[in-house]
Amino acid sequence: MIGAGIGGAIMMAFGVSTAGVSGVFGLPMASNLFIFILAITIGVACSVGLQVLVRKPKPEKDEVTQNEDDLDFDITI
C-alpha cells in the first residue's frame, strides 16, 4: 500500500491523469506515459524494498522440527 501511495503521489505531483484505471491497463489512457511508467516503477521498487526490509527471516530447521513436535496430537475414537 505504501508503494502504491508513493506511485500515486508522483502521478498527482506531475499531473498525470488516467481514466480511473492504473497499472498495465492504464497505459493507453495515461496523459503522460513516461511519468506514468516511472511512477509505477518507483512504487513497485518501494514495495519490494520495504518487503525485503520488513519480512521475518525463515526459521532454522531445528525450530521448525521443534514447533511440529509441539503441535503433534492424536485423535482416537
C-alpha atoms as a PDB file:
ATOM      1  CA  MET A   1       0.000   0.000   0.000  1.00  0.00           C
ATOM      2  CA  ILE A   2       2.883   2.339   0.708  1.00  0.00           C
ATOM      3  CA  GLY A   3       4.381   1.746  -2.748  1.00  0.00           C
ATOM      4  CA  ALA A   4       1.012   2.400  -4.399  1.00  0.00           C
ATOM      5  CA  GLY A   5       0.678   5.596  -2.390  1.00  0.00           C
ATOM      6  CA  ILE A   6       4.115   6.779  -3.448  1.00  0.00           C
ATOM      7  CA  GLY A   7       3.412   5.984  -7.102  1.00  0.00           C
ATOM      8  CA  GLY A   8       0.054   7.753  -6.910  1.00  0.00           C
ATOM      9  CA  ALA A   9       1.637  10.794  -5.260  1.00  0.00           C
ATOM     10  CA  ILE A  10       4.209  11.029  -8.047  1.00  0.00           C
ATOM     11  CA  MET A  11       1.455  10.858 -10.660  1.00  0.00           C
ATOM     12  CA  MET A  12      -0.534  13.553  -8.861  1.00  0.00           C
ATOM     13  CA  ALA A  13       2.528  15.781  -8.474  1.00  0.00           C
ATOM     14  CA  PHE A  14       3.193  15.689 -12.215  1.00  0.00           C
ATOM     15  CA  GLY A  15      -0.481  15.957 -13.171  1.00  0.00           C
ATOM     16  CA  VAL A  16      -0.736  12.580 -14.860  1.00  0.00           C
ATOM     17  CA  SER A  17      -4.345  11.625 -15.442  1.00  0.00           C
ATOM     18  CA  THR A  18      -5.906   8.320 -16.436  1.00  0.00           C
ATOM     19  CA  ALA A  19      -9.478   7.196 -16.983  1.00  0.00           C
ATOM     20  CA  GLY A  20      -9.654   5.641 -13.499  1.00  0.00           C
ATOM     21  CA  VAL A  21      -7.537   2.633 -14.407  1.00  0.00           C
ATOM     22  CA  SER A  22      -3.974   2.151 -13.259  1.00  0.00           C
ATOM     23  CA  GLY A  23      -1.271  -0.405 -13.884  1.00  0.00           C
ATOM     24  CA  VAL A  24      -0.783  -2.058 -17.248  1.00  0.00           C
ATOM     25  CA  PHE A  25      -4.385  -1.428 -18.296  1.00  0.00           C
ATOM     26  CA  GLY A  26      -3.962   2.312 -17.756  1.00  0.00           C
ATOM     27  CA  LEU A  27      -1.040   2.674 -20.166  1.00  0.00           C
ATOM     28  CA  PRO A  28      -3.101   3.643 -23.238  1.00  0.00           C
ATOM     29  CA  MET A  29      -5.147   6.159 -21.241  1.00  0.00           C
ATOM     30  CA  ALA A  30      -2.300   7.956 -19.405  1.00  0.00           C
ATOM     31  CA  SER A  31      -1.818  11.612 -20.241  1.00  0.00           C
ATOM     32  CA  ASN A  32       1.976  11.429 -19.763  1.00  0.00           C
ATOM     33  CA  LEU A  33       3.156   7.900 -20.495  1.00  0.00           C
ATOM     34  CA  PHE A  34       6.782   8.365 -19.364  1.00  0.00           C
ATOM     35  CA  ILE A  35       5.869   9.742 -15.914  1.00  0.00           C
ATOM     36  CA  PHE A  36       3.141   7.092 -15.580  1.00  0.00           C
ATOM     37  CA  ILE A  37       5.608   4.253 -16.163  1.00  0.00           C
ATOM     38  CA  LEU A  38       8.202   5.953 -13.934  1.00  0.00           C
ATOM     39  CA  ALA A  39       5.692   6.337 -11.080  1.00  0.00           C
ATOM     40  CA  ILE A  40       4.650   2.670 -11.320  1.00  0.00           C
ATOM     41  CA  THR A  41       8.290   1.563 -11.386  1.00  0.00           C
ATOM     42  CA  ILE A  42       9.189   3.662  -8.333  1.00  0.00           C
ATOM     43  CA  GLY A  43       6.105   2.431  -6.468  1.00  0.00           C
ATOM     44  CA  VAL A  44       6.959  -1.205  -7.182  1.00  0.00           C
ATOM     45  CA  ALA A  45      10.581  -0.641  -6.151  1.00  0.00           C
ATOM     46  CA  CYS A  46       9.431   0.891  -2.844  1.00  0.00           C
ATOM     47  CA  SER A  47       7.048  -2.004  -2.201  1.00  0.00           C
ATOM     48  CA  VAL A  48       9.723  -4.619  -2.882  1.00  0.00           C
ATOM     49  CA  GLY A  49      12.333  -2.754  -0.839  1.00  0.00           C
ATOM     50  CA  LEU A  50      10.027  -2.444   2.158  1.00  0.00           C
ATOM     51  CA  GLN A  51       9.045  -6.104   1.879  1.00  0.00           C
ATOM     52  CA  VAL A  52      12.698  -7.134   1.961  1.00  0.00           C
ATOM     53  CA  LEU A  53      13.368  -4.931   4.988  1.00  0.00           C
ATOM     54  CA  VAL A  54      10.273  -5.897   6.992  1.00  0.00           C
ATOM     55  CA  ARG A  55       9.846  -9.623   6.335  1.00  0.00           C
ATOM     56  CA  LYS A  56      10.719 -12.118   9.026  1.00  0.00           C
ATOM     57  CA  PRO A  57      13.722 -14.372   8.461  1.00  0.00           C
ATOM     58  CA  LYS A  58      12.994 -18.023   7.785  1.00  0.00           C
ATOM     59  CA  PRO A  59      13.232 -20.173  10.903  1.00  0.00           C
ATOM     60  CA  GLU A  60      16.086 -22.624  11.168  1.00  0.00           C
ATOM     61  CA  LYS A  61      15.430 -26.321  10.543  1.00  0.00           C
ATOM     62  CA  ASP A  62      15.628 -27.133  14.282  1.00  0.00           C
ATOM     63  CA  GLU A  63      12.952 -24.573  15.170  1.00  0.00           C
ATOM     64  CA  VAL A  64      10.567 -25.969  12.568  1.00  0.00           C
ATOM     65  CA  THR A  65      11.039 -29.510  13.875  1.00  0.00           C
ATOM     66  CA  GLN A  66      10.519 -28.351  17.450  1.00  0.00           C
ATOM     67  CA  ASN A  67       7.329 -26.476  16.527  1.00  0.00           C
ATOM     68  CA  GLU A  68       5.996 -29.526  14.686  1.00  0.00           C
ATOM     69  CA  ASP A  69       6.628 -31.690  17.765  1.00  0.00           C
ATOM     70  CA  ASP A  70       4.768 -29.192  19.977  1.00  0.00           C
ATOM     71  CA  LEU A  71       1.695 -29.374  17.747  1.00  0.00           C
ATOM     72  CA  ASP A  72       1.630 -33.156  17.449  1.00  0.00           C
ATOM     73  CA  PHE A  73      -1.517 -34.760  18.854  1.00  0.00           C
ATOM     74  CA  ASP A  74      -3.565 -37.917  18.292  1.00  0.00           C
ATOM     75  CA  ILE A  75      -7.293 -38.218  17.773  1.00  0.00           C
ATOM     76  CA  THR A  76      -8.804 -41.532  18.800  1.00  0.00           C
ATOM     77  CA  ILE A  77     -12.369 -42.724  18.514  1.00  0.00           C
END
